[in-house]
Amino acid sequence: MRLSPDQGPSGSTIILSGAAHGSNETVTVRWNCAGSGCSGPVLGTAGTDATGGFSNFSATVPKASDGAYPIFGRGSTTGATAVTSFSIKG
């Protein structure tokens, strides 16, 4: 997954894009989650296109202390995963 911007204050709007998921599947995106099985809050879901990619998924960074937080995406059909991170700098 790619993320823009990759740092900022809580409440920032972030834009995510990704690839290598299944075609036309739903990718669940979670905050403060580094891998399968985590229970971090869901930022939302993104739908992939026929090539397994998605773009322009927008989410709001939750309120949290300064630091780096993983953002994890998992495809509902294939189970394909990806992770990136956002740094909160107050």
Protein backbone atom coordinates (compact mmCIF):
# COMPACT_ATOMS: atom_id res chain seq x y z
CA MET A 1 0.00 0.00 0.00
CA ARG A 2 1.03 3.55 -0.63
CA LEU A 3 0.02 6.39 1.66
CA SER A 4 -0.07 10.16 1.23
CA PRO A 5 0.86 11.99 3.35
CA ASP A 6 2.80 9.61 5.59
CA GLN A 7 2.97 11.96 8.57
CA GLY A 8 0.94 14.72 10.20
CA PRO A 9 -1.31 15.46 13.17
CA SER A 10 -4.26 13.41 14.40
CA GLY A 11 -7.30 14.23 12.31
CA SER A 12 -5.31 14.39 9.07
CA THR A 13 -6.92 13.04 5.91
CA ILE A 14 -4.85 10.31 4.29
CA ILE A 15 -5.14 8.79 0.83
CA LEU A 16 -4.24 5.14 0.29
CA SER A 17 -3.73 3.11 -2.85
CA GLY A 18 -2.77 -0.51 -3.30
CA ALA A 19 -2.22 -3.37 -5.71
CA ALA A 20 -1.76 -7.16 -5.77
CA HIS A 21 -5.14 -7.98 -4.27
CA GLY A 22 -7.80 -10.06 -6.00
CA SER A 23 -9.92 -8.58 -8.74
CA ASN A 24 -13.10 -6.89 -7.55
CA GLU A 25 -12.62 -7.74 -3.88
CA THR A 26 -13.06 -5.68 -0.73
CA VAL A 27 -9.96 -4.64 1.21
CA THR A 28 -10.52 -3.85 4.89
CA VAL A 29 -8.14 -1.16 6.13
CA ARG A 30 -7.28 -1.05 9.86
CA TRP A 31 -5.44 1.49 12.03
CA ASN A 32 -2.65 0.50 14.43
CA CYS A 33 -2.60 -3.01 13.03
CA ALA A 34 0.54 -4.74 11.76
CA GLY A 35 -0.82 -8.11 10.63
CA SER A 36 -3.65 -10.61 10.31
CA GLY A 37 -5.61 -11.23 13.46
CA CYS A 38 -5.22 -7.77 14.93
CA SER A 39 -8.24 -5.89 16.21
CA GLY A 40 -7.25 -2.32 15.35
CA PRO A 41 -10.13 -0.01 14.45
CA VAL A 42 -11.39 -0.23 10.88
CA LEU A 43 -10.70 2.92 8.86
CA GLY A 44 -12.96 1.66 6.08
CA THR A 45 -13.06 -0.62 3.08
CA ALA A 46 -11.75 -0.16 -0.44
CA GLY A 47 -12.98 -1.99 -3.52
CA THR A 48 -10.42 -3.24 -6.00
CA ASP A 49 -10.70 -3.06 -9.77
CA ALA A 50 -10.34 -5.92 -12.26
CA THR A 51 -6.54 -5.88 -11.83
CA GLY A 52 -6.68 -6.08 -8.01
CA GLY A 53 -5.75 -2.46 -7.39
CA PHE A 54 -7.44 0.41 -5.62
CA SER A 55 -6.73 4.12 -5.40
CA ASN A 56 -7.98 7.27 -3.76
CA PHE A 57 -9.19 5.53 -0.58
CA SER A 58 -9.61 8.37 1.89
CA ALA A 59 -9.59 8.04 5.70
CA THR A 60 -9.16 10.25 8.75
CA VAL A 61 -6.28 9.57 11.15
CA PRO A 62 -7.73 8.76 14.59
CA LYS A 63 -6.79 10.74 17.68
CA ALA A 64 -3.57 9.25 19.10
CA SER A 65 -0.27 10.23 20.71
CA ASP A 66 2.78 11.14 18.63
CA GLY A 67 4.46 8.09 17.10
CA ALA A 68 4.38 5.68 14.16
CA TYR A 69 1.25 3.59 13.60
CA PRO A 70 0.88 0.68 11.17
CA ILE A 71 -2.01 0.66 8.69
CA PHE A 72 -2.96 -2.80 7.48
CA GLY A 73 -5.09 -3.92 4.53
CA ARG A 74 -6.49 -7.41 3.98
CA GLY A 75 -8.45 -8.66 0.98
CA SER A 76 -11.75 -10.37 1.84
CA THR A 77 -11.50 -13.06 -0.84
CA THR A 78 -7.80 -13.76 -1.37
CA GLY A 79 -6.55 -12.81 2.08
CA ALA A 80 -3.79 -10.79 0.39
CA THR A 81 -2.26 -8.33 2.86
CA ALA A 82 -0.25 -5.13 2.83
CA VAL A 83 1.00 -2.76 5.50
CA THR A 84 2.28 0.81 5.60
CA SER A 85 2.62 3.33 8.42
CA PHE A 86 1.64 6.85 9.38
CA SER A 87 3.59 8.99 11.87
CA ILE A 88 1.63 11.35 14.07
CA LYS A 89 3.57 14.51 14.74
CA GLY A 90 1.55 16.90 16.85
